[in-house]
Amino acid sequence: MNWQQLSLMQTEIFLVLAVLLVLLADIFTGKDKKSRIIHLAHLLFAAVFVSSFFMLDKEGRLFGGSFNTYPLVAFFKSILMLGVGLIMLQSVEWVKKELIPKGFVSEFYALMWSSLLGLFFMISAGDFLMFYLGLELSTMPVAGLVAFEFYRKRSAEAALKMVLLAAMASAIMLFGISLIYATSGSIYFEQVRASAEMPFLELVGFAMLLAGIAFKISLVPFHFWTADVYEGAPTVVSNYLSVISKGAAVYILMILLFITLRRYEQTWTIALYILAVLTMFVGNLFALRQQNMKRFLAFSSIAQAGFILLGVIGGNVLGIKTVIYFLLIYIFSNVAAFGVVHVIAMHSGKENIDDYEGLYRTNPRLSLLLMLALFSLAGIPPVAGFFGKFFLYSTAASKGFYWLVFIAVVNVTISLYYYLLPVRAAFLRRSENPIPYFKTDLYSKIGFVILALGLILIGLYSPLYEYIAKLSEIL
């Protein structure tokens, strides 16, 4: 195997090198200079991110088809890296305040990048073995990140819940994969597609596989871990779970459904229909009851997963490009919302919606960004989320799922109410003891500016959607 072949894994190789370099830097950096690792980590990740764009014109396979790359998956990896980069910008102040005094800096970046590496292997997988290895590689580091605030009881508790439930979901998924292998005689996606010897057992295996992926996406009824883990984990880790991990799981779900299990389209369409309805209603109705902003955004992310299924259920090129476009918008919306919650909690220790009363009078810029993010999640024009949801509805309607679109519109109406609760608290309510004015660090400001511009411009920049559509047709 020469470098030309290995260059198909260029992004993954560079990411591994970045992990090694940041760990080596920690060894050779004195205790009083640990903050330098933060700057090094951002430079390394920026270099890997820029290099990922050189993969947009490459296509090929490695290891007998276990690892695949093509323009669409390369572009999606760049989207995930953009999300991780924005989360890293938001985390700088937290790393300086919480991690450096306790001697943990490089470990944070190494675990996050290792999880991202696992997601890259998962979405490039050409067989179930690579898919499962990537899934496990992405899950274990995140469990460590959830428990990173080990000096807080709720963080350790959240990690324990995640590990136990993830292990159960992984076991169910692995058994499902074994049934698929038993019926098809192969673990390669393309060969499984061509086999149909024992359809009943294969359908049982598919159901178990879907259950495991549904856990990763937080689809109902596999969502019970989400709110507790999001609340207990550090906010930057909750942010990562809500967008990066979920986005990769949605992508591999589309690949499995549209390519490997295409002949069972009628069956999985019914399953996704039911899951979409349950997920939208449960996510939205439970979000109505939340006071803690992290639990509020956790149930919001569950509801958004239900909306994403409207695009997946399309089962065609239109569905692929719509879902990827929506995931890009969702990354900007959710990262912005979690980012505001994070900096407020960092400076005031407050996380409840009522604590945001009068926020606009003391911190107007954060209030405006929070409003943009929540409006985008709700699908209110002219922010980007409106266009994302509109395309999702169009995809479902193009396949004749008019009742599903109607149910989605009902759920959007429900979501409008609770998304406006924090906005009302920040802009219309007064408080005798509002959150005081505070300044965010330079890294956070840069991230917030990028997020604000993205929320406004992505929906209006039609060539981006057309570019995604072009890549989807190649797939």
Protein backbone atom coordinates (compact mmCIF):
# COMPACT_ATOMS: atom_id res chain seq x y z
CA MET A 1 0.00 0.00 0.00
CA ASN A 2 1.55 3.30 -1.14
CA TRP A 3 0.92 6.87 -0.04
CA GLN A 4 -1.43 7.51 -2.96
CA GLN A 5 -3.73 4.83 -1.59
CA LEU A 6 -3.28 5.91 2.02
CA SER A 7 -4.06 9.48 1.03
CA LEU A 8 -7.70 8.38 0.83
CA MET A 9 -7.48 8.38 4.65
CA GLN A 10 -5.65 11.70 4.75
CA THR A 11 -8.10 13.41 7.11
CA GLU A 12 -8.07 10.49 9.54
CA ILE A 13 -4.26 10.22 9.48
CA PHE A 14 -3.82 13.94 10.11
CA LEU A 15 -6.33 13.78 12.96
CA VAL A 16 -4.37 10.92 14.59
CA LEU A 17 -1.17 12.95 14.24
CA ALA A 18 -2.91 15.94 15.85
CA VAL A 19 -3.92 13.76 18.82
CA LEU A 20 -0.34 12.51 19.24
CA LEU A 21 1.14 16.00 18.94
CA VAL A 22 -1.17 17.55 21.51
CA LEU A 23 -0.40 14.72 23.95
CA LEU A 24 3.36 15.12 23.37
CA ALA A 25 3.06 18.87 23.85
CA ASP A 26 1.46 18.27 27.23
CA ILE A 27 4.41 16.14 28.32
CA PHE A 28 6.98 18.79 27.41
CA THR A 29 5.03 21.83 28.66
CA GLY A 30 5.49 23.10 32.19
CA LYS A 31 2.59 23.39 34.62
CA ASP A 32 2.65 27.18 34.45
CA LYS A 33 2.46 27.20 30.63
CA LYS A 34 -0.38 24.75 29.97
CA SER A 35 -2.46 27.46 28.31
CA ARG A 36 -0.12 27.21 25.31
CA ILE A 37 -1.58 23.79 24.56
CA ILE A 38 -4.95 25.46 23.90
CA HIS A 39 -3.46 27.62 21.14
CA LEU A 40 -1.56 24.64 19.72
CA ALA A 41 -4.72 22.51 19.70
CA HIS A 42 -6.63 25.13 17.74
CA LEU A 43 -3.82 25.53 15.23
CA LEU A 44 -3.54 21.77 14.73
CA PHE A 45 -7.28 21.32 14.29
CA ALA A 46 -7.48 24.28 11.90
CA ALA A 47 -4.75 22.66 9.79
CA VAL A 48 -6.62 19.34 9.69
CA PHE A 49 -9.86 21.17 8.83
CA VAL A 50 -8.26 23.02 5.92
CA SER A 51 -6.62 19.83 4.65
CA SER A 52 -10.01 18.09 4.59
CA PHE A 53 -11.10 20.25 1.65
CA PHE A 54 -8.40 18.66 -0.50
CA MET A 55 -10.39 15.40 -0.23
CA LEU A 56 -13.47 16.79 -2.00
CA ASP A 57 -12.35 15.51 -5.40
CA LYS A 58 -11.07 12.11 -4.28
CA GLU A 59 -12.85 8.79 -4.47
CA GLY A 60 -11.72 5.26 -3.68
CA ARG A 61 -11.66 2.26 -1.36
CA LEU A 62 -9.21 0.76 1.11
CA PHE A 63 -8.88 -2.58 2.89
CA GLY A 64 -10.99 -4.49 0.41
CA GLY A 65 -13.85 -2.01 0.53
CA SER A 66 -14.04 -1.63 4.32
CA PHE A 67 -13.16 2.06 4.08
CA ASN A 68 -14.73 4.24 1.37
CA THR A 69 -14.30 7.87 0.52
CA TYR A 70 -16.10 10.00 -2.06
CA PRO A 71 -16.87 13.74 -2.39
CA LEU A 72 -20.09 13.70 -0.37
CA VAL A 73 -18.60 11.93 2.66
CA ALA A 74 -15.53 14.19 2.50
CA PHE A 75 -17.76 17.26 2.50
CA PHE A 76 -19.79 15.89 5.41
CA LYS A 77 -16.59 15.29 7.39
CA SER A 78 -15.71 18.93 6.81
CA ILE A 79 -19.12 19.93 8.17
CA LEU A 80 -18.55 17.85 11.30
CA MET A 81 -15.10 19.36 11.74
CA LEU A 82 -16.57 22.85 11.42
CA GLY A 83 -18.99 22.01 14.24
CA VAL A 84 -16.20 20.64 16.43
CA GLY A 85 -14.09 23.71 15.73
CA LEU A 86 -16.91 26.01 16.85
CA ILE A 87 -17.38 23.96 20.02
CA MET A 88 -13.64 24.17 20.71
CA LEU A 89 -13.78 27.97 20.41
CA GLN A 90 -16.53 28.05 23.03
CA SER A 91 -14.64 25.75 25.37
CA VAL A 92 -11.44 27.81 25.78
CA GLU A 93 -12.56 29.77 28.82
CA TRP A 94 -13.88 26.61 30.48
CA VAL A 95 -10.61 24.78 29.80
CA LYS A 96 -8.62 27.63 31.36
CA LYS A 97 -10.88 27.94 34.38
CA GLU A 98 -11.74 24.32 35.13
CA LEU A 99 -9.19 22.02 33.48
CA ILE A 100 -5.81 23.74 33.66
CA PRO A 101 -5.85 24.09 37.49
CA LYS A 102 -6.58 20.35 37.71
CA GLY A 103 -3.89 19.40 35.19
CA PHE A 104 -6.21 18.22 32.39
CA VAL A 105 -5.81 20.01 29.09
CA SER A 106 -4.54 17.78 26.30
CA GLU A 107 -6.80 14.94 27.46
CA PHE A 108 -9.87 16.99 26.61
CA TYR A 109 -8.78 17.61 23.02
CA ALA A 110 -7.44 14.07 22.56
CA LEU A 111 -10.72 12.51 23.66
CA MET A 112 -12.86 14.80 21.52
CA TRP A 113 -10.72 14.25 18.43
CA SER A 114 -10.61 10.49 19.04
CA SER A 115 -14.39 10.42 19.14
CA LEU A 116 -14.50 12.45 15.93
CA LEU A 117 -12.06 9.97 14.38
CA GLY A 118 -14.44 7.14 15.24
CA LEU A 119 -17.30 9.02 13.59
CA PHE A 120 -15.18 9.47 10.45
CA PHE A 121 -14.50 5.73 10.25
CA MET A 122 -18.19 5.03 10.84
CA ILE A 123 -19.47 7.22 8.01
CA SER A 124 -16.74 5.94 5.63
CA ALA A 125 -17.48 2.31 6.47
CA GLY A 126 -18.11 -0.13 3.66
CA ASP A 127 -18.91 -3.06 5.92
CA PHE A 128 -20.48 -3.67 9.31
CA LEU A 129 -17.15 -4.39 11.00
CA MET A 130 -15.70 -0.97 10.21
CA PHE A 131 -19.05 0.60 11.06
CA TYR A 132 -19.13 -1.07 14.48
CA LEU A 133 -15.49 -0.29 15.27
CA GLY A 134 -16.05 3.34 14.35
CA LEU A 135 -19.16 3.48 16.49
CA GLU A 136 -17.34 2.11 19.54
CA LEU A 137 -14.33 4.38 18.96
CA SER A 138 -16.66 7.38 18.88
CA THR A 139 -18.63 6.34 21.99
CA MET A 140 -15.95 5.48 24.54
CA PRO A 141 -14.09 8.82 24.42
CA VAL A 142 -17.39 10.68 24.75
CA ALA A 143 -18.18 8.72 27.91
CA GLY A 144 -14.88 9.99 29.31
CA LEU A 145 -15.75 13.54 28.26
CA VAL A 146 -19.15 13.31 29.96
CA ALA A 147 -17.35 12.41 33.21
CA PHE A 148 -14.68 15.07 32.74
CA GLU A 149 -16.01 17.15 35.62
CA PHE A 150 -15.38 14.17 37.89
CA TYR A 151 -15.39 16.44 40.93
CA ARG A 152 -19.12 16.98 40.34
CA LYS A 153 -21.45 14.12 41.23
CA ARG A 154 -23.87 14.76 38.37
CA SER A 155 -21.09 14.43 35.77
CA ALA A 156 -19.99 11.02 37.02
CA GLU A 157 -23.62 9.90 37.26
CA ALA A 158 -24.32 11.02 33.68
CA ALA A 159 -21.27 9.11 32.41
CA LEU A 160 -22.35 5.94 34.22
CA LYS A 161 -25.84 6.14 32.71
CA MET A 162 -24.41 6.68 29.25
CA VAL A 163 -21.93 3.81 29.50
CA LEU A 164 -24.53 1.32 30.72
CA LEU A 165 -27.18 2.26 28.17
CA ALA A 166 -24.63 2.54 25.35
CA ALA A 167 -23.35 -0.94 26.19
CA MET A 168 -26.88 -2.32 26.00
CA ALA A 169 -27.56 -0.56 22.69
CA SER A 170 -24.23 -1.78 21.34
CA ALA A 171 -25.01 -5.38 22.31
CA ILE A 172 -28.40 -5.23 20.61
CA MET A 173 -26.85 -3.74 17.49
CA LEU A 174 -24.07 -6.31 17.39
CA PHE A 175 -26.57 -9.15 17.66
CA GLY A 176 -28.55 -7.60 14.82
CA ILE A 177 -25.41 -7.41 12.69
CA SER A 178 -24.69 -11.08 13.41
CA LEU A 179 -28.20 -11.99 12.17
CA ILE A 180 -27.65 -9.99 8.99
CA TYR A 181 -24.33 -11.77 8.48
CA ALA A 182 -25.97 -15.16 9.12
CA THR A 183 -28.61 -14.54 6.46
CA SER A 184 -26.43 -12.90 3.83
CA GLY A 185 -23.05 -14.55 4.42
CA SER A 186 -21.27 -11.21 4.22
CA ILE A 187 -20.64 -8.09 6.27
CA TYR A 188 -20.08 -5.83 3.25
CA PHE A 189 -22.91 -3.39 2.58
CA GLU A 190 -23.09 -4.00 -1.16
CA GLN A 191 -23.07 -7.80 -0.82
CA VAL A 192 -25.76 -7.71 1.88
CA ARG A 193 -27.90 -5.69 -0.51
CA ALA A 194 -27.68 -8.44 -3.12
CA SER A 195 -28.69 -11.22 -0.72
CA ALA A 196 -32.23 -12.18 0.26
CA GLU A 197 -32.08 -15.80 1.42
CA MET A 198 -33.74 -15.50 4.85
CA PRO A 199 -35.68 -12.22 4.80
CA PHE A 200 -37.41 -12.72 8.19
CA LEU A 201 -34.20 -13.12 10.18
CA GLU A 202 -32.63 -10.30 8.22
CA LEU A 203 -35.55 -8.05 9.13
CA VAL A 204 -35.09 -8.93 12.80
CA GLY A 205 -31.41 -8.07 12.46
CA PHE A 206 -32.33 -4.82 10.74
CA ALA A 207 -34.71 -3.93 13.58
CA MET A 208 -31.94 -4.46 16.15
CA LEU A 209 -29.49 -2.46 14.03
CA LEU A 210 -32.01 0.36 13.76
CA ALA A 211 -32.51 0.31 17.53
CA GLY A 212 -28.78 0.77 18.11
CA ILE A 213 -28.55 3.70 15.69
CA ALA A 214 -31.76 5.18 17.13
CA PHE A 215 -30.03 5.27 20.52
CA LYS A 216 -27.22 7.33 19.00
CA ILE A 217 -29.71 9.73 17.37
CA SER A 218 -31.96 9.85 20.48
CA LEU A 219 -35.09 8.64 18.71
CA VAL A 220 -38.06 7.68 20.86
CA PRO A 221 -38.23 5.22 22.64
CA PHE A 222 -34.41 5.07 22.77
CA HIS A 223 -34.06 8.59 24.14
CA PHE A 224 -34.23 8.10 27.92
CA TRP A 225 -30.53 8.76 28.47
CA THR A 226 -30.46 12.06 26.61
CA ALA A 227 -31.78 14.64 29.09
CA ASP A 228 -29.91 13.24 32.10
CA VAL A 229 -26.62 12.96 30.24
CA TYR A 230 -26.91 16.41 28.66
CA GLU A 231 -27.67 17.97 32.03
CA GLY A 232 -24.87 16.19 33.88
CA ALA A 233 -22.14 16.52 31.25
CA PRO A 234 -20.06 19.66 30.75
CA THR A 235 -22.03 21.95 28.43
CA VAL A 236 -19.43 21.76 25.65
CA VAL A 237 -19.72 17.95 25.73
CA SER A 238 -23.53 18.13 25.63
CA ASN A 239 -23.09 20.41 22.63
CA TYR A 240 -20.89 17.80 20.92
CA LEU A 241 -23.37 15.00 21.62
CA SER A 242 -26.33 17.00 20.35
CA VAL A 243 -24.91 17.87 16.94
CA ILE A 244 -21.71 16.05 15.95
CA SER A 245 -22.46 12.57 17.23
CA LYS A 246 -26.09 12.76 16.13
CA GLY A 247 -25.23 14.11 12.69
CA ALA A 248 -22.82 11.26 11.92
CA ALA A 249 -25.37 8.68 13.07
CA VAL A 250 -28.01 10.17 10.78
CA TYR A 251 -25.61 10.00 7.82
CA ILE A 252 -24.73 6.33 8.30
CA LEU A 253 -28.43 5.55 8.81
CA MET A 254 -29.17 7.02 5.39
CA ILE A 255 -26.37 5.01 3.77
CA LEU A 256 -27.60 1.76 5.34
CA LEU A 257 -31.23 2.38 4.40
CA PHE A 258 -30.75 3.78 0.90
CA ILE A 259 -28.01 1.35 -0.21
CA THR A 260 -27.83 -1.80 1.91
CA LEU A 261 -31.48 -2.23 2.87
CA ARG A 262 -33.15 -0.67 -0.16
CA ARG A 263 -35.20 -3.79 -0.91
CA TYR A 264 -36.93 -3.41 2.47
CA GLU A 265 -37.90 0.18 1.78
CA GLN A 266 -41.58 -0.42 2.43
CA THR A 267 -40.81 -1.90 5.86
CA TRP A 268 -38.33 0.70 7.05
CA THR A 269 -40.51 3.50 5.72
CA ILE A 270 -43.28 2.42 8.10
CA ALA A 271 -40.79 2.12 10.96
CA LEU A 272 -39.37 5.61 10.33
CA TYR A 273 -42.89 7.04 10.02
CA ILE A 274 -43.80 5.77 13.49
CA LEU A 275 -40.46 6.81 14.99
CA ALA A 276 -40.76 10.30 13.49
CA VAL A 277 -44.24 10.88 14.94
CA LEU A 278 -43.31 9.56 18.39
CA THR A 279 -40.02 11.47 18.49
CA MET A 280 -41.53 14.80 17.48
CA PHE A 281 -44.40 14.61 19.97
CA VAL A 282 -42.37 13.29 22.91
CA GLY A 283 -39.52 15.75 22.35
CA ASN A 284 -41.78 18.77 22.02
CA LEU A 285 -44.23 17.92 24.80
CA PHE A 286 -41.50 17.17 27.32
CA ALA A 287 -39.61 20.32 26.33
CA LEU A 288 -42.66 22.32 27.42
CA ARG A 289 -42.09 21.23 31.01
CA GLN A 290 -38.39 22.01 31.31
CA GLN A 291 -36.86 24.82 33.32
CA ASN A 292 -33.21 23.82 33.08
CA MET A 293 -31.82 25.08 29.76
CA LYS A 294 -29.66 22.02 29.16
CA ARG A 295 -32.62 19.66 29.62
CA PHE A 296 -34.68 22.08 27.54
CA LEU A 297 -32.19 21.82 24.65
CA ALA A 298 -31.91 18.05 25.17
CA PHE A 299 -35.62 17.52 24.48
CA SER A 300 -35.40 20.08 21.69
CA SER A 301 -32.67 17.96 20.07
CA ILE A 302 -34.90 14.89 20.41
CA ALA A 303 -37.71 16.72 18.61
CA GLN A 304 -35.29 17.88 15.91
CA ALA A 305 -34.28 14.25 15.34
CA GLY A 306 -37.92 13.53 14.56
CA PHE A 307 -37.96 16.33 11.99
CA ILE A 308 -34.76 14.98 10.41
CA LEU A 309 -36.55 11.68 9.74
CA LEU A 310 -38.88 13.56 7.37
CA GLY A 311 -35.92 13.87 5.04
CA VAL A 312 -34.62 10.34 5.64
CA ILE A 313 -38.03 8.85 4.88
CA GLY A 314 -37.78 10.32 1.38
CA GLY A 315 -35.32 7.55 0.54
CA ASN A 316 -33.86 9.30 -2.52
CA VAL A 317 -31.28 11.86 -3.62
CA LEU A 318 -33.63 14.67 -2.58
CA GLY A 319 -33.73 13.19 0.91
CA ILE A 320 -29.92 12.92 1.15
CA LYS A 321 -29.20 16.50 0.13
CA THR A 322 -32.05 17.86 2.27
CA VAL A 323 -30.89 16.04 5.40
CA ILE A 324 -27.25 17.10 4.97
CA TYR A 325 -28.31 20.70 4.37
CA PHE A 326 -30.54 20.62 7.44
CA LEU A 327 -27.75 19.08 9.54
CA LEU A 328 -25.44 21.94 8.56
CA ILE A 329 -28.07 24.45 9.68
CA TYR A 330 -28.78 22.42 12.81
CA ILE A 331 -25.11 22.48 13.77
CA PHE A 332 -25.05 26.28 13.64
CA SER A 333 -28.37 26.59 15.51
CA ASN A 334 -27.67 24.15 18.32
CA VAL A 335 -24.02 25.10 18.80
CA ALA A 336 -25.10 28.73 19.11
CA ALA A 337 -27.84 27.93 21.65
CA PHE A 338 -25.61 25.69 23.75
CA GLY A 339 -22.81 28.23 23.45
CA VAL A 340 -24.88 31.01 25.02
CA VAL A 341 -26.05 28.65 27.78
CA HIS A 342 -22.43 27.64 28.36
CA VAL A 343 -20.97 31.12 28.76
CA ILE A 344 -23.84 32.23 31.00
CA ALA A 345 -23.39 29.20 33.23
CA MET A 346 -19.63 29.83 33.31
CA HIS A 347 -19.98 33.41 34.51
CA SER A 348 -23.09 33.22 36.67
CA GLY A 349 -23.69 29.55 37.50
CA LYS A 350 -27.31 29.92 36.33
CA GLU A 351 -28.96 27.46 33.94
CA ASN A 352 -32.74 27.92 34.38
CA ILE A 353 -35.01 29.81 31.99
CA ASP A 354 -36.25 32.12 34.76
CA ASP A 355 -32.65 33.17 35.42
CA TYR A 356 -32.56 34.71 31.93
CA GLU A 357 -35.11 37.38 32.84
CA GLY A 358 -33.73 40.79 31.95
CA LEU A 359 -30.75 39.28 30.10
CA TYR A 360 -31.18 41.66 27.14
CA ARG A 361 -30.63 44.68 29.36
CA THR A 362 -27.34 43.37 30.73
CA ASN A 363 -26.02 41.22 27.85
CA PRO A 364 -27.82 42.29 24.65
CA ARG A 365 -25.49 40.56 22.18
CA LEU A 366 -25.81 37.16 23.83
CA SER A 367 -29.58 37.65 23.97
CA LEU A 368 -29.73 38.39 20.26
CA LEU A 369 -27.63 35.33 19.40
CA LEU A 370 -29.81 33.13 21.62
CA MET A 371 -32.90 34.52 19.88
CA LEU A 372 -31.44 33.81 16.42
CA ALA A 373 -30.52 30.26 17.44
CA LEU A 374 -33.94 29.47 18.93
CA PHE A 375 -35.75 31.05 15.98
CA SER A 376 -33.69 28.87 13.66
CA LEU A 377 -34.52 25.74 15.67
CA ALA A 378 -38.20 26.73 15.57
CA GLY A 379 -38.08 27.35 11.80
CA ILE A 380 -39.03 31.02 11.91
CA PRO A 381 -38.10 33.01 8.77
CA PRO A 382 -35.79 34.51 7.64
CA VAL A 383 -33.15 32.62 9.67
CA ALA A 384 -31.59 29.47 8.23
CA GLY A 385 -33.73 26.96 10.15
CA PHE A 386 -36.84 28.02 8.20
CA PHE A 387 -35.32 26.92 4.89
CA GLY A 388 -34.02 23.68 6.41
CA LYS A 389 -37.43 22.67 7.70
CA PHE A 390 -39.14 23.77 4.49
CA PHE A 391 -36.94 21.41 2.46
CA LEU A 392 -37.65 18.58 4.92
CA TYR A 393 -41.39 19.09 4.45
CA SER A 394 -40.94 19.17 0.68
CA THR A 395 -39.04 15.87 0.75
CA ALA A 396 -41.74 14.09 2.77
CA ALA A 397 -44.50 15.60 0.63
CA SER A 398 -42.77 14.49 -2.58
CA LYS A 399 -43.24 10.88 -1.42
CA GLY A 400 -46.90 11.44 -0.58
CA PHE A 401 -46.54 11.62 3.23
CA TYR A 402 -48.97 14.51 3.61
CA TRP A 403 -50.26 13.41 7.01
CA LEU A 404 -46.70 13.23 8.29
CA VAL A 405 -46.09 16.76 7.05
CA PHE A 406 -49.29 17.89 8.79
CA ILE A 407 -48.14 16.24 12.05
CA ALA A 408 -44.76 17.97 11.66
CA VAL A 409 -46.48 21.35 11.23
CA VAL A 410 -48.52 20.70 14.40
CA ASN A 411 -45.29 19.95 16.25
CA VAL A 412 -43.64 23.08 14.90
CA THR A 413 -46.56 25.03 16.35
CA ILE A 414 -45.95 23.40 19.73
CA SER A 415 -42.24 24.11 19.51
CA LEU A 416 -42.88 27.79 18.75
CA TYR A 417 -44.32 28.19 22.23
CA TYR A 418 -41.44 26.74 24.21
CA TYR A 419 -38.72 28.23 22.00
CA LEU A 420 -40.19 31.65 22.75
CA LEU A 421 -40.04 31.11 26.52
CA PRO A 422 -36.32 31.94 26.88
CA VAL A 423 -36.74 34.79 24.38
CA ARG A 424 -39.61 36.22 26.40
CA ALA A 425 -37.60 35.91 29.61
CA ALA A 426 -34.58 37.66 28.08
CA PHE A 427 -36.37 40.47 26.25
CA LEU A 428 -39.74 41.07 27.90
CA ARG A 429 -39.31 40.16 31.55
CA ARG A 430 -37.60 42.22 34.21
CA SER A 431 -35.66 40.92 37.17
CA GLU A 432 -34.44 42.57 40.34
CA ASN A 433 -31.37 40.36 40.20
CA PRO A 434 -30.55 39.81 36.51
CA ILE A 435 -27.46 38.05 35.24
CA PRO A 436 -24.77 40.75 35.44
CA TYR A 437 -22.87 42.02 32.45
CA PHE A 438 -19.75 40.03 31.62
CA LYS A 439 -17.21 39.84 28.82
CA THR A 440 -16.50 36.65 26.91
CA ASP A 441 -13.01 35.67 25.80
CA LEU A 442 -11.72 36.32 22.28
CA TYR A 443 -12.14 32.71 21.13
CA SER A 444 -15.81 32.69 22.13
CA LYS A 445 -16.41 36.02 20.39
CA ILE A 446 -14.94 34.67 17.16
CA GLY A 447 -17.14 31.58 17.42
CA PHE A 448 -20.27 33.62 18.14
CA VAL A 449 -19.65 35.92 15.15
CA ILE A 450 -19.25 32.90 12.84
CA LEU A 451 -22.43 31.35 14.24
CA ALA A 452 -24.46 34.53 13.87
CA LEU A 453 -23.36 35.00 10.26
CA GLY A 454 -24.09 31.35 9.52
CA LEU A 455 -27.60 31.51 10.96
CA ILE A 456 -28.40 34.50 8.77
CA LEU A 457 -26.57 33.63 5.54
CA ILE A 458 -26.74 29.84 5.11
CA GLY A 459 -30.45 29.84 4.37
CA LEU A 460 -30.07 32.65 1.86
CA TYR A 461 -27.01 31.23 0.10
CA SER A 462 -28.65 28.92 -2.43
CA PRO A 463 -25.38 27.81 -4.19
CA LEU A 464 -24.49 25.89 -1.03
CA TYR A 465 -27.66 23.80 -1.30
CA GLU A 466 -27.01 23.30 -5.00
CA TYR A 467 -23.46 22.14 -4.25
CA ILE A 468 -24.73 19.57 -1.74
CA ALA A 469 -27.29 18.45 -4.32
CA LYS A 470 -24.51 17.96 -6.89
CA LEU A 471 -22.47 15.81 -4.46
CA SER A 472 -25.57 13.77 -3.54
CA GLU A 473 -26.20 12.90 -7.18
CA ILE A 474 -22.67 11.50 -7.46
CA LEU A 475 -23.47 9.14 -4.56
